[in-house]
Amino acid sequence: TLMGAGAAPSPHDFEILGLAPMWHTPVGTLSFGMQQRVALGRLLLTRAPLWLLDEPLVGLDASAQEVLFHLLDLHASRGGTSVIVSHAPLKASAHLALEGHAPT
């Protein structure tokens, strides 16, 4: 299926995103940046072969952006594909193929 089969979330799954301490906090009460991190956490729980990301860097600080790039690399290394729409420059990696202008 498009969404894939997900696993039940646990606080450990969200440690990489710095969200484990907020495990019981309602998402609606989090800052926009933390809500973005939660959305990235949802990607960790899916086995979907295709990730469609619209402006995934918006609201993320530098450390969270690095986590996103790590997740994209991990997804690609597992055979997954990511389609990203962004006005921000994306850094290239061994697994990411960028079309259009090279990042500066």
PDB file of N, CA and C in Angstrom:
ATOM      1  N   THR A   1       0.836  -1.189   0.000  1.00  0.00           N
ATOM      2  CA  THR A   1       0.000   0.000   0.000  1.00  0.00           C
ATOM      3  C   THR A   1       0.875   1.245   0.000  1.00  0.00           C
ATOM      4  N   LEU A   2       0.269   2.357  -0.270  1.00  0.00           N
ATOM      5  CA  LEU A   2       1.010   3.621  -0.296  1.00  0.00           C
ATOM      6  C   LEU A   2       1.557   3.965   1.078  1.00  0.00           C
ATOM      7  N   MET A   3       0.782   3.753   2.133  1.00  0.00           N
ATOM      8  CA  MET A   3       1.218   4.090   3.480  1.00  0.00           C
ATOM      9  C   MET A   3       2.138   3.038   4.084  1.00  0.00           C
ATOM     10  N   GLY A   4       2.069   1.826   3.630  1.00  0.00           N
ATOM     11  CA  GLY A   4       2.896   0.781   4.210  1.00  0.00           C
ATOM     12  C   GLY A   4       2.320   0.347   5.548  1.00  0.00           C
ATOM     13  N   ALA A   5       2.989  -0.612   6.153  1.00  0.00           N
ATOM     14  CA  ALA A   5       2.548  -1.120   7.452  1.00  0.00           C
ATOM     15  C   ALA A   5       3.393  -0.476   8.527  1.00  0.00           C
ATOM     16  N   GLY A   6       2.768   0.227   9.405  1.00  0.00           N
ATOM     17  CA  GLY A   6       3.489   0.917  10.462  1.00  0.00           C
ATOM     18  C   GLY A   6       3.585   0.085  11.724  1.00  0.00           C
ATOM     19  N   ALA A   7       4.454   0.508  12.612  1.00  0.00           N
ATOM     20  CA  ALA A   7       4.616  -0.140  13.902  1.00  0.00           C
ATOM     21  C   ALA A   7       4.013   0.749  14.974  1.00  0.00           C
ATOM     22  N   ALA A   8       3.680   0.162  16.109  1.00  0.00           N
ATOM     23  CA  ALA A   8       3.177   0.951  17.227  1.00  0.00           C
ATOM     24  C   ALA A   8       4.302   1.849  17.737  1.00  0.00           C
ATOM     25  N   PRO A   9       4.029   3.144  17.931  1.00  0.00           N
ATOM     26  CA  PRO A   9       5.088   4.058  18.373  1.00  0.00           C
ATOM     27  C   PRO A   9       5.462   3.830  19.832  1.00  0.00           C
ATOM     28  N   SER A  10       6.669   4.193  20.147  1.00  0.00           N
ATOM     29  CA  SER A  10       7.132   4.164  21.533  1.00  0.00           C
ATOM     30  C   SER A  10       8.015   5.392  21.748  1.00  0.00           C
ATOM     31  N   PRO A  11       8.237   5.781  23.003  1.00  0.00           N
ATOM     32  CA  PRO A  11       9.110   6.941  23.249  1.00  0.00           C
ATOM     33  C   PRO A  11      10.503   6.757  22.653  1.00  0.00           C
ATOM     34  N   HIS A  12      11.008   5.536  22.653  1.00  0.00           N
ATOM     35  CA  HIS A  12      12.347   5.273  22.110  1.00  0.00           C
ATOM     36  C   HIS A  12      12.441   5.665  20.637  1.00  0.00           C
ATOM     37  N   ASP A  13      11.366   5.437  19.880  1.00  0.00           N
ATOM     38  CA  ASP A  13      11.372   5.760  18.450  1.00  0.00           C
ATOM     39  C   ASP A  13      11.594   7.248  18.202  1.00  0.00           C
ATOM     40  N   PHE A  14      11.242   8.073  19.170  1.00  0.00           N
ATOM     41  CA  PHE A  14      11.304   9.512  18.977  1.00  0.00           C
ATOM     42  C   PHE A  14      12.525  10.156  19.618  1.00  0.00           C
ATOM     43  N   GLU A  15      13.393   9.358  20.219  1.00  0.00           N
ATOM     44  CA  GLU A  15      14.599   9.917  20.829  1.00  0.00           C
ATOM     45  C   GLU A  15      15.469  10.622  19.798  1.00  0.00           C
ATOM     46  N   ILE A  16      15.567  10.062  18.591  1.00  0.00           N
ATOM     47  CA  ILE A  16      16.407  10.661  17.547  1.00  0.00           C
ATOM     48  C   ILE A  16      15.948  12.084  17.219  1.00  0.00           C
ATOM     49  N   LEU A  17      14.676  12.361  17.405  1.00  0.00           N
ATOM     50  CA  LEU A  17      14.126  13.677  17.101  1.00  0.00           C
ATOM     51  C   LEU A  17      14.020  14.571  18.330  1.00  0.00           C
ATOM     52  N   GLY A  18      14.472  14.089  19.476  1.00  0.00           N
ATOM     53  CA  GLY A  18      14.402  14.878  20.696  1.00  0.00           C
ATOM     54  C   GLY A  18      12.995  15.027  21.236  1.00  0.00           C
ATOM     55  N   LEU A  19      12.119  14.101  20.909  1.00  0.00           N
ATOM     56  CA  LEU A  19      10.724  14.198  21.324  1.00  0.00           C
ATOM     57  C   LEU A  19      10.362  13.267  22.473  1.00  0.00           C
ATOM     58  N   ALA A  20      11.240  12.385  22.878  1.00  0.00           N
ATOM     59  CA  ALA A  20      10.916  11.421  23.930  1.00  0.00           C
ATOM     60  C   ALA A  20      10.431  12.102  25.212  1.00  0.00           C
ATOM     61  N   PRO A  21      11.041  13.238  25.651  1.00  0.00           N
ATOM     62  CA  PRO A  21      10.555  13.871  26.883  1.00  0.00           C
ATOM     63  C   PRO A  21       9.126  14.412  26.766  1.00  0.00           C
ATOM     64  N   MET A  22       8.638  14.567  25.547  1.00  0.00           N
ATOM     65  CA  MET A  22       7.306  15.135  25.333  1.00  0.00           C
ATOM     66  C   MET A  22       6.290  14.080  24.915  1.00  0.00           C
ATOM     67  N   TRP A  23       6.598  12.841  25.196  1.00  0.00           N
ATOM     68  CA  TRP A  23       5.788  11.715  24.721  1.00  0.00           C
ATOM     69  C   TRP A  23       4.312  11.867  25.058  1.00  0.00           C
ATOM     70  N   HIS A  24       3.981  12.373  26.228  1.00  0.00           N
ATOM     71  CA  HIS A  24       2.581  12.480  26.654  1.00  0.00           C
ATOM     72  C   HIS A  24       2.002  13.882  26.442  1.00  0.00           C
ATOM     73  N   THR A  25       2.724  14.741  25.765  1.00  0.00           N
ATOM     74  CA  THR A  25       2.261  16.106  25.510  1.00  0.00           C
ATOM     75  C   THR A  25       1.382  16.122  24.257  1.00  0.00           C
ATOM     76  N   PRO A  26       0.200  16.694  24.326  1.00  0.00           N
ATOM     77  CA  PRO A  26      -0.632  16.785  23.120  1.00  0.00           C
ATOM     78  C   PRO A  26       0.098  17.567  22.019  1.00  0.00           C
ATOM     79  N   VAL A  27       0.067  17.047  20.805  1.00  0.00           N
ATOM     80  CA  VAL A  27       0.793  17.656  19.692  1.00  0.00           C
ATOM     81  C   VAL A  27       0.359  19.099  19.470  1.00  0.00           C
ATOM     82  N   GLY A  28      -0.906  19.387  19.641  1.00  0.00           N
ATOM     83  CA  GLY A  28      -1.418  20.739  19.413  1.00  0.00           C
ATOM     84  C   GLY A  28      -0.842  21.785  20.346  1.00  0.00           C
ATOM     85  N   THR A  29      -0.246  21.353  21.459  1.00  0.00           N
ATOM     86  CA  THR A  29       0.336  22.308  22.398  1.00  0.00           C
ATOM     87  C   THR A  29       1.818  22.547  22.129  1.00  0.00           C
ATOM     88  N   LEU A  30       2.401  21.814  21.204  1.00  0.00           N
ATOM     89  CA  LEU A  30       3.822  21.961  20.881  1.00  0.00           C
ATOM     90  C   LEU A  30       4.045  23.138  19.943  1.00  0.00           C
ATOM     91  N   SER A  31       5.266  23.651  19.923  1.00  0.00           N
ATOM     92  CA  SER A  31       5.624  24.706  18.976  1.00  0.00           C
ATOM     93  C   SER A  31       5.561  24.150  17.554  1.00  0.00           C
ATOM     94  N   PHE A  32       5.542  25.051  16.575  1.00  0.00           N
ATOM     95  CA  PHE A  32       5.482  24.612  15.179  1.00  0.00           C
ATOM     96  C   PHE A  32       6.668  23.714  14.835  1.00  0.00           C
ATOM     97  N   GLY A  33       7.859  24.097  15.285  1.00  0.00           N
ATOM     98  CA  GLY A  33       9.047  23.292  15.006  1.00  0.00           C
ATOM     99  C   GLY A  33       8.947  21.898  15.597  1.00  0.00           C
ATOM    100  N   MET A  34       8.427  21.803  16.821  1.00  0.00           N
ATOM    101  CA  MET A  34       8.257  20.491  17.444  1.00  0.00           C
ATOM    102  C   MET A  34       7.182  19.678  16.729  1.00  0.00           C
ATOM    103  N   GLN A  35       6.138  20.357  16.241  1.00  0.00           N
ATOM    104  CA  GLN A  35       5.124  19.651  15.458  1.00  0.00           C
ATOM    105  C   GLN A  35       5.728  19.094  14.176  1.00  0.00           C
ATOM    106  N   GLN A  36       6.660  19.838  13.579  1.00  0.00           N
ATOM    107  CA  GLN A  36       7.359  19.339  12.394  1.00  0.00           C
ATOM    108  C   GLN A  36       8.174  18.087  12.742  1.00  0.00           C
ATOM    109  N   ARG A  37       8.814  18.106  13.912  1.00  0.00           N
ATOM    110  CA  ARG A  37       9.577  16.939  14.361  1.00  0.00           C
ATOM    111  C   ARG A  37       8.661  15.736  14.551  1.00  0.00           C
ATOM    112  N   VAL A  38       7.457  15.977  15.073  1.00  0.00           N
ATOM    113  CA  VAL A  38       6.483  14.888  15.228  1.00  0.00           C
ATOM    114  C   VAL A  38       6.131  14.310  13.855  1.00  0.00           C
ATOM    115  N   ALA A  39       5.950  15.189  12.881  1.00  0.00           N
ATOM    116  CA  ALA A  39       5.643  14.715  11.524  1.00  0.00           C
ATOM    117  C   ALA A  39       6.779  13.852  10.987  1.00  0.00           C
ATOM    118  N   LEU A  40       8.024  14.243  11.266  1.00  0.00           N
ATOM    119  CA  LEU A  40       9.163  13.419  10.859  1.00  0.00           C
ATOM    120  C   LEU A  40       9.151  12.087  11.595  1.00  0.00           C
ATOM    121  N   GLY A  41       8.752  12.128  12.857  1.00  0.00           N
ATOM    122  CA  GLY A  41       8.651  10.896  13.626  1.00  0.00           C
ATOM    123  C   GLY A  41       7.656   9.928  13.011  1.00  0.00           C
ATOM    124  N   ARG A  42       6.608  10.458  12.446  1.00  0.00           N
ATOM    125  CA  ARG A  42       5.620   9.601  11.778  1.00  0.00           C
ATOM    126  C   ARG A  42       6.249   8.886  10.585  1.00  0.00           C
ATOM    127  N   LEU A  43       7.185   9.570   9.926  1.00  0.00           N
ATOM    128  CA  LEU A  43       7.886   8.908   8.817  1.00  0.00           C
ATOM    129  C   LEU A  43       8.662   7.695   9.295  1.00  0.00           C
ATOM    130  N   LEU A  44       9.225   7.798  10.499  1.00  0.00           N
ATOM    131  CA  LEU A  44       9.981   6.673  11.047  1.00  0.00           C
ATOM    132  C   LEU A  44       9.101   5.449  11.253  1.00  0.00           C
ATOM    133  N   LEU A  45       7.819   5.675  11.480  1.00  0.00           N
ATOM    134  CA  LEU A  45       6.918   4.582  11.812  1.00  0.00           C
ATOM    135  C   LEU A  45       6.275   3.939  10.598  1.00  0.00           C
ATOM    136  N   THR A  46       6.449   4.520   9.449  1.00  0.00           N
ATOM    137  CA  THR A  46       5.838   3.968   8.250  1.00  0.00           C
ATOM    138  C   THR A  46       6.867   3.177   7.451  1.00  0.00           C
ATOM    139  N   ARG A  47       6.393   2.249   6.715  1.00  0.00           N
ATOM    140  CA  ARG A  47       7.269   1.508   5.813  1.00  0.00           C
ATOM    141  C   ARG A  47       6.931   1.861   4.359  1.00  0.00           C
ATOM    142  N   ALA A  48       6.327   3.022   4.175  1.00  0.00           N
ATOM    143  CA  ALA A  48       5.949   3.456   2.835  1.00  0.00           C
ATOM    144  C   ALA A  48       7.188   3.592   1.966  1.00  0.00           C
ATOM    145  N   PRO A  49       7.154   3.050   0.756  1.00  0.00           N
ATOM    146  CA  PRO A  49       8.317   3.133  -0.120  1.00  0.00           C
ATOM    147  C   PRO A  49       8.537   4.531  -0.706  1.00  0.00           C
ATOM    148  N   LEU A  50       7.493   5.353  -0.697  1.00  0.00           N
ATOM    149  CA  LEU A  50       7.577   6.689  -1.279  1.00  0.00           C
ATOM    150  C   LEU A  50       7.192   7.721  -0.233  1.00  0.00           C
ATOM    151  N   TRP A  51       8.108   8.675  -0.003  1.00  0.00           N
ATOM    152  CA  TRP A  51       7.830   9.794   0.888  1.00  0.00           C
ATOM    153  C   TRP A  51       7.632  11.032   0.036  1.00  0.00           C
ATOM    154  N   LEU A  52       6.505  11.718   0.194  1.00  0.00           N
ATOM    155  CA  LEU A  52       6.222  12.982  -0.483  1.00  0.00           C
ATOM    156  C   LEU A  52       6.303  14.081   0.572  1.00  0.00           C
ATOM    157  N   LEU A  53       7.316  14.937   0.464  1.00  0.00           N
ATOM    158  CA  LEU A  53       7.565  15.958   1.486  1.00  0.00           C
ATOM    159  C   LEU A  53       7.459  17.345   0.872  1.00  0.00           C
ATOM    160  N   ASP A  54       6.542  18.145   1.399  1.00  0.00           N
ATOM    161  CA  ASP A  54       6.347  19.511   0.946  1.00  0.00           C
ATOM    162  C   ASP A  54       6.942  20.454   1.983  1.00  0.00           C
ATOM    163  N   GLU A  55       8.005  21.157   1.639  1.00  0.00           N
ATOM    164  CA  GLU A  55       8.694  22.101   2.510  1.00  0.00           C
ATOM    165  C   GLU A  55       9.050  21.471   3.871  1.00  0.00           C
ATOM    166  N   PRO A  56       9.780  20.360   3.855  1.00  0.00           N
ATOM    167  CA  PRO A  56      10.070  19.674   5.118  1.00  0.00           C
ATOM    168  C   PRO A  56      11.028  20.431   6.045  1.00  0.00           C
ATOM    169  N   LEU A  57      11.734  21.434   5.535  1.00  0.00           N
ATOM    170  CA  LEU A  57      12.688  22.165   6.372  1.00  0.00           C
ATOM    171  C   LEU A  57      12.052  23.315   7.151  1.00  0.00           C
ATOM    172  N   VAL A  58      10.836  23.708   6.783  1.00  0.00           N
ATOM    173  CA  VAL A  58      10.170  24.833   7.432  1.00  0.00           C
ATOM    174  C   VAL A  58       9.957  24.518   8.908  1.00  0.00           C
ATOM    175  N   GLY A  59      10.409  25.423   9.757  1.00  0.00           N
ATOM    176  CA  GLY A  59      10.205  25.284  11.190  1.00  0.00           C
ATOM    177  C   GLY A  59      11.226  24.418  11.896  1.00  0.00           C
ATOM    178  N   LEU A  60      12.189  23.859  11.160  1.00  0.00           N
ATOM    179  CA  LEU A  60      13.197  23.000  11.772  1.00  0.00           C
ATOM    180  C   LEU A  60      14.482  23.778  12.023  1.00  0.00           C
ATOM    181  N   ASP A  61      15.041  23.609  13.212  1.00  0.00           N
ATOM    182  CA  ASP A  61      16.344  24.220  13.481  1.00  0.00           C
ATOM    183  C   ASP A  61      17.423  23.378  12.800  1.00  0.00           C
ATOM    184  N   ALA A  62      18.663  23.833  12.880  1.00  0.00           N
ATOM    185  CA  ALA A  62      19.761  23.167  12.168  1.00  0.00           C
ATOM    186  C   ALA A  62      19.917  21.711  12.585  1.00  0.00           C
ATOM    187  N   SER A  63      19.774  21.415  13.872  1.00  0.00           N
ATOM    188  CA  SER A  63      19.943  20.024  14.307  1.00  0.00           C
ATOM    189  C   SER A  63      18.816  19.138  13.790  1.00  0.00           C
ATOM    190  N   ALA A  64      17.605  19.651  13.761  1.00  0.00           N
ATOM    191  CA  ALA A  64      16.482  18.874  13.231  1.00  0.00           C
ATOM    192  C   ALA A  64      16.607  18.688  11.716  1.00  0.00           C
ATOM    193  N   GLN A  65      17.167  19.687  11.024  1.00  0.00           N
ATOM    194  CA  GLN A  65      17.402  19.526   9.585  1.00  0.00           C
ATOM    195  C   GLN A  65      18.406  18.407   9.333  1.00  0.00           C
ATOM    196  N   GLU A  66      19.444  18.331  10.164  1.00  0.00           N
ATOM    197  CA  GLU A  66      20.422  17.249  10.022  1.00  0.00           C
ATOM    198  C   GLU A  66      19.771  15.891  10.243  1.00  0.00           C
ATOM    199  N   VAL A  67      18.847  15.819  11.202  1.00  0.00           N
ATOM    200  CA  VAL A  67      18.119  14.568  11.438  1.00  0.00           C
ATOM    201  C   VAL A  67      17.288  14.219  10.210  1.00  0.00           C
ATOM    202  N   LEU A  68      16.641  15.222   9.622  1.00  0.00           N
ATOM    203  CA  LEU A  68      15.849  14.974   8.412  1.00  0.00           C
ATOM    204  C   LEU A  68      16.736  14.406   7.308  1.00  0.00           C
ATOM    205  N   PHE A  69      17.901  15.006   7.076  1.00  0.00           N
ATOM    206  CA  PHE A  69      18.797  14.501   6.038  1.00  0.00           C
ATOM    207  C   PHE A  69      19.247  13.073   6.350  1.00  0.00           C
ATOM    208  N   HIS A  70      19.478  12.787   7.620  1.00  0.00           N
ATOM    209  CA  HIS A  70      19.835  11.424   8.025  1.00  0.00           C
ATOM    210  C   HIS A  70      18.687  10.461   7.708  1.00  0.00           C
ATOM    211  N   LEU A  71      17.446  10.863   8.016  1.00  0.00           N
ATOM    212  CA  LEU A  71      16.295  10.012   7.727  1.00  0.00           C
ATOM    213  C   LEU A  71      16.131   9.775   6.225  1.00  0.00           C
ATOM    214  N   LEU A  72      16.362  10.826   5.433  1.00  0.00           N
ATOM    215  CA  LEU A  72      16.273  10.670   3.979  1.00  0.00           C
ATOM    216  C   LEU A  72      17.339   9.707   3.471  1.00  0.00           C
ATOM    217  N   ASP A  73      18.544   9.825   3.992  1.00  0.00           N
ATOM    218  CA  ASP A  73      19.616   8.900   3.611  1.00  0.00           C
ATOM    219  C   ASP A  73      19.256   7.468   3.998  1.00  0.00           C
ATOM    220  N   LEU A  74      18.752   7.304   5.213  1.00  0.00           N
ATOM    221  CA  LEU A  74      18.377   5.978   5.692  1.00  0.00           C
ATOM    222  C   LEU A  74      17.277   5.378   4.828  1.00  0.00           C
ATOM    223  N   HIS A  75      16.274   6.182   4.514  1.00  0.00           N
ATOM    224  CA  HIS A  75      15.166   5.728   3.670  1.00  0.00           C
ATOM    225  C   HIS A  75      15.684   5.308   2.290  1.00  0.00           C
ATOM    226  N   ALA A  76      16.563   6.120   1.702  1.00  0.00           N
ATOM    227  CA  ALA A  76      17.123   5.799   0.385  1.00  0.00           C
ATOM    228  C   ALA A  76      17.974   4.529   0.440  1.00  0.00           C
ATOM    229  N   SER A  77      18.749   4.369   1.503  1.00  0.00           N
ATOM    230  CA  SER A  77      19.609   3.189   1.605  1.00  0.00           C
ATOM    231  C   SER A  77      18.792   1.910   1.745  1.00  0.00           C
ATOM    232  N   ARG A  78      17.544   2.049   2.176  1.00  0.00           N
ATOM    233  CA  ARG A  78      16.644   0.903   2.290  1.00  0.00           C
ATOM    234  C   ARG A  78      15.804   0.706   1.032  1.00  0.00           C
ATOM    235  N   GLY A  79      16.142   1.462  -0.025  1.00  0.00           N
ATOM    236  CA  GLY A  79      15.436   1.321  -1.290  1.00  0.00           C
ATOM    237  C   GLY A  79      14.262   2.251  -1.446  1.00  0.00           C
ATOM    238  N   GLY A  80      14.057   3.155  -0.511  1.00  0.00           N
ATOM    239  CA  GLY A  80      12.931   4.073  -0.589  1.00  0.00           C
ATOM    240  C   GLY A  80      13.227   5.261  -1.486  1.00  0.00           C
ATOM    241  N   THR A  81      12.166   5.928  -1.883  1.00  0.00           N
ATOM    242  CA  THR A  81      12.263   7.116  -2.723  1.00  0.00           C
ATOM    243  C   THR A  81      11.593   8.279  -2.006  1.00  0.00           C
ATOM    244  N   SER A  82      12.213   9.443  -2.085  1.00  0.00           N
ATOM    245  CA  SER A  82      11.639  10.648  -1.495  1.00  0.00           C
ATOM    246  C   SER A  82      11.500  11.710  -2.574  1.00  0.00           C
ATOM    247  N   VAL A  83      10.328  12.328  -2.632  1.00  0.00           N
ATOM    248  CA  VAL A  83      10.087  13.460  -3.520  1.00  0.00           C
ATOM    249  C   VAL A  83       9.914  14.666  -2.612  1.00  0.00           C
ATOM    250  N   ILE A  84      10.791  15.661  -2.806  1.00  0.00           N
ATOM    251  CA  ILE A  84      10.835  16.806  -1.906  1.00  0.00           C
ATOM    252  C   ILE A  84      10.597  18.093  -2.689  1.00  0.00           C
ATOM    253  N   VAL A  85       9.679  18.913  -2.194  1.00  0.00           N
ATOM    254  CA  VAL A  85       9.454  20.238  -2.746  1.00  0.00           C
ATOM    255  C   VAL A  85       9.926  21.220  -1.685  1.00  0.00           C
ATOM    256  N   SER A  86      10.884  22.086  -2.051  1.00  0.00           N
ATOM    257  CA  SER A  86      11.423  23.013  -1.071  1.00  0.00           C
ATOM    258  C   SER A  86      11.986  24.244  -1.756  1.00  0.00           C
ATOM    259  N   HIS A  87      11.798  25.393  -1.118  1.00  0.00           N
ATOM    260  CA  HIS A  87      12.438  26.614  -1.573  1.00  0.00           C
ATOM    261  C   HIS A  87      13.820  26.762  -0.956  1.00  0.00           C
ATOM    262  N   ALA A  88      14.066  26.012   0.098  1.00  0.00           N
ATOM    263  CA  ALA A  88      15.366  26.059   0.773  1.00  0.00           C
ATOM    264  C   ALA A  88      16.327  25.108   0.068  1.00  0.00           C
ATOM    265  N   PRO A  89      17.598  25.456   0.023  1.00  0.00           N
ATOM    266  CA  PRO A  89      18.572  24.546  -0.593  1.00  0.00           C
ATOM    267  C   PRO A  89      18.689  23.266   0.221  1.00  0.00           C
ATOM    268  N   LEU A  90      18.717  22.149  -0.473  1.00  0.00           N
ATOM    269  CA  LEU A  90      18.889  20.855   0.171  1.00  0.00           C
ATOM    270  C   LEU A  90      20.308  20.387  -0.046  1.00  0.00           C
ATOM    271  N   LYS A  91      20.919  19.842   0.970  1.00  0.00           N
ATOM    272  CA  LYS A  91      22.282  19.351   0.814  1.00  0.00           C
ATOM    273  C   LYS A  91      22.257  18.000   0.122  1.00  0.00           C
ATOM    274  N   ALA A  92      23.202  17.799  -0.750  1.00  0.00           N
ATOM    275  CA  ALA A  92      23.305  16.538  -1.472  1.00  0.00           C
ATOM    276  C   ALA A  92      23.976  15.505  -0.577  1.00  0.00           C
ATOM    277  N   SER A  93      23.663  14.260  -0.806  1.00  0.00           N
ATOM    278  CA  SER A  93      24.305  13.174  -0.079  1.00  0.00           C
ATOM    279  C   SER A  93      24.515  12.018  -1.033  1.00  0.00           C
ATOM    280  N   ALA A  94      25.087  10.969  -0.535  1.00  0.00           N
ATOM    281  CA  ALA A  94      25.368   9.802  -1.371  1.00  0.00           C
ATOM    282  C   ALA A  94      24.091   9.188  -1.922  1.00  0.00           C
ATOM    283  N   HIS A  95      22.983   9.335  -1.197  1.00  0.00           N
ATOM    284  CA  HIS A  95      21.745   8.687  -1.611  1.00  0.00           C
ATOM    285  C   HIS A  95      20.739   9.631  -2.260  1.00  0.00           C
ATOM    286  N   LEU A  96      20.938  10.928  -2.079  1.00  0.00           N
ATOM    287  CA  LEU A  96      19.982  11.884  -2.612  1.00  0.00           C
ATOM    288  C   LEU A  96      20.410  12.365  -3.986  1.00  0.00           C
ATOM    289  N   ALA A  97      19.510  12.297  -4.907  1.00  0.00           N
ATOM    290  CA  ALA A  97      19.756  12.838  -6.234  1.00  0.00           C
ATOM    291  C   ALA A  97      18.913  14.100  -6.372  1.00  0.00           C
ATOM    292  N   LEU A  98      19.580  15.217  -6.554  1.00  0.00           N
ATOM    293  CA  LEU A  98      18.878  16.484  -6.657  1.00  0.00           C
ATOM    294  C   LEU A  98      18.782  16.890  -8.112  1.00  0.00           C
ATOM    295  N   GLU A  99      17.611  17.290  -8.527  1.00  0.00           N
ATOM    296  CA  GLU A  99      17.394  17.729  -9.897  1.00  0.00           C
ATOM    297  C   GLU A  99      17.248  19.233  -9.901  1.00  0.00           C
ATOM    298  N   GLY A 100      17.729  19.867 -10.912  1.00  0.00           N
ATOM    299  CA  GLY A 100      17.647  21.315 -10.987  1.00  0.00           C
ATOM    300  C   GLY A 100      18.949  21.942 -10.549  1.00  0.00           C
ATOM    301  N   HIS A 101      18.852  23.049  -9.834  1.00  0.00           N
ATOM    302  CA  HIS A 101      20.045  23.769  -9.400  1.00  0.00           C
ATOM    303  C   HIS A 101      20.742  23.034  -8.265  1.00  0.00           C
ATOM    304  N   ALA A 102      22.039  23.028  -8.324  1.00  0.00           N
ATOM    305  CA  ALA A 102      22.828  22.432  -7.240  1.00  0.00           C
ATOM    306  C   ALA A 102      22.746  23.338  -6.029  1.00  0.00           C
ATOM    307  N   PRO A 103      22.741  22.740  -4.820  1.00  0.00           N
ATOM    308  CA  PRO A 103      22.697  23.567  -3.617  1.00  0.00           C
ATOM    309  C   PRO A 103      23.967  24.397  -3.478  1.00  0.00           C
ATOM    310  N   THR A 104      23.807  25.552  -2.858  1.00  0.00           N
ATOM    311  CA  THR A 104      24.960  26.423  -2.649  1.00  0.00           C
ATOM    312  C   THR A 104      25.402  26.384  -1.224  1.00  0.00           C
TER     313      THR A 104
END
